[in-house]
């Protein structure tokens, strides 16, 4: 009977993971909606990369990862992807001005 219990528990845990994944995707979509708003507030491409802001974001998420006992290197890599994609999006939306 233990095998059936494990299979049932595995299904339950996987469903929970799927639900969490759905929530994460919604939050990522919300984040990118906000980035679209940011592009409307910037005048030119010279305003896109803010190294001070990037450093602040990465330090903040690393600290939060440590508090939540998550490997801060994994969180850093994930947020670096978010930041890179936001930069690409902003470059595609903001016209270069001289």
Protein backbone atom coordinates (compact mmCIF):
# COMPACT_ATOMS: atom_id res chain seq x y z
CA UNK A 1 0.00 0.00 0.00
CA UNK A 2 2.91 2.38 0.56
CA UNK A 3 3.54 2.66 -3.18
CA UNK A 4 -0.03 3.87 -3.83
CA UNK A 5 0.28 6.42 -1.02
CA UNK A 6 3.51 7.71 -2.53
CA UNK A 7 1.94 7.97 -5.98
CA UNK A 8 -1.05 9.86 -4.59
CA UNK A 9 1.19 12.16 -2.57
CA UNK A 10 3.40 12.74 -5.62
CA UNK A 11 0.36 13.75 -7.68
CA UNK A 12 -0.76 16.12 -4.94
CA UNK A 13 2.67 17.75 -4.64
CA UNK A 14 2.98 18.08 -8.43
CA UNK A 15 -0.44 19.76 -8.57
CA UNK A 16 0.72 22.21 -5.92
CA UNK A 17 3.84 22.93 -7.97
CA UNK A 18 1.70 23.49 -11.08
CA UNK A 19 -0.47 25.94 -9.13
CA UNK A 20 2.59 27.82 -7.92
CA UNK A 21 3.95 27.91 -11.50
CA UNK A 22 0.69 29.47 -12.64
CA UNK A 23 0.97 32.14 -9.97
CA UNK A 24 4.60 32.85 -10.90
CA UNK A 25 3.66 33.27 -14.56
CA UNK A 26 0.90 35.71 -13.65
CA UNK A 27 3.32 37.73 -11.52
CA UNK A 28 5.90 37.79 -14.31
CA UNK A 29 3.20 39.02 -16.70
CA UNK A 30 2.30 41.75 -14.18
CA UNK A 31 5.97 42.72 -13.91
CA UNK A 32 6.28 43.11 -17.67
CA UNK A 33 3.08 45.17 -17.81
CA UNK A 34 4.81 47.59 -15.46
CA UNK A 35 7.91 47.59 -17.67
CA UNK A 36 5.71 48.62 -20.60
CA UNK A 37 4.62 51.59 -18.48
CA UNK A 38 8.25 52.44 -17.76
CA UNK A 39 9.01 52.64 -21.49
CA UNK A 40 6.41 55.40 -21.80
CA UNK A 41 8.16 57.41 -19.09
CA UNK A 42 11.63 57.32 -20.64
CA UNK A 43 12.52 59.82 -23.32
CA UNK A 44 15.38 58.00 -25.03
CA UNK A 45 17.54 54.88 -25.02
CA UNK A 46 20.20 56.56 -22.90
CA UNK A 47 17.79 56.24 -19.95
CA UNK A 48 17.27 52.49 -20.32
CA UNK A 49 20.19 51.03 -18.40
CA UNK A 50 20.40 52.33 -14.84
CA UNK A 51 23.31 50.50 -13.24
CA UNK A 52 22.49 51.86 -9.80
CA UNK A 53 18.92 50.53 -10.05
CA UNK A 54 20.14 47.15 -11.32
CA UNK A 55 22.58 46.85 -8.41
CA UNK A 56 19.83 47.80 -5.95
CA UNK A 57 17.42 45.22 -7.40
CA UNK A 58 19.99 42.41 -7.33
CA UNK A 59 21.08 43.16 -3.76
CA UNK A 60 17.46 43.31 -2.67
CA UNK A 61 16.46 39.97 -4.19
CA UNK A 62 19.64 38.33 -2.89
CA UNK A 63 18.80 39.49 0.63
CA UNK A 64 15.23 38.26 0.31
CA UNK A 65 16.47 34.92 -1.03
CA UNK A 66 18.74 34.45 1.96
CA UNK A 67 15.90 35.28 4.37
CA UNK A 68 13.74 32.68 2.63
CA UNK A 69 16.53 30.10 2.57
CA UNK A 70 16.79 30.08 -1.22
CA UNK A 71 20.15 29.91 -2.97
CA UNK A 72 20.84 33.58 -3.71
CA UNK A 73 22.84 32.66 -6.82
CA UNK A 74 19.77 31.04 -8.39
CA UNK A 75 17.67 34.12 -7.61
CA UNK A 76 20.39 36.37 -9.02
CA UNK A 77 20.44 34.43 -12.30
CA UNK A 78 16.65 34.56 -12.57
CA UNK A 79 16.56 38.31 -11.94
CA UNK A 80 19.41 38.90 -14.38
CA UNK A 81 17.22 37.28 -17.02
CA UNK A 82 14.29 39.53 -15.99
CA UNK A 83 16.54 42.58 -16.23
CA UNK A 84 18.04 41.57 -19.59
CA UNK A 85 14.59 40.95 -21.05
CA UNK A 86 13.30 44.26 -19.68
CA UNK A 87 16.24 46.06 -21.29
CA UNK A 88 15.57 44.34 -24.62
CA UNK A 89 11.91 45.29 -24.39
CA UNK A 90 12.73 48.89 -23.56
CA UNK A 91 15.21 49.15 -26.46
CA UNK A 92 12.56 47.83 -28.82
CA UNK A 93 10.00 50.39 -27.59
CA UNK A 94 12.08 53.52 -27.06
CA UNK A 95 13.40 55.29 -30.13
CA UNK A 96 16.96 56.55 -30.10
CA UNK A 97 17.14 60.32 -29.85
CA UNK A 98 20.20 62.50 -30.23
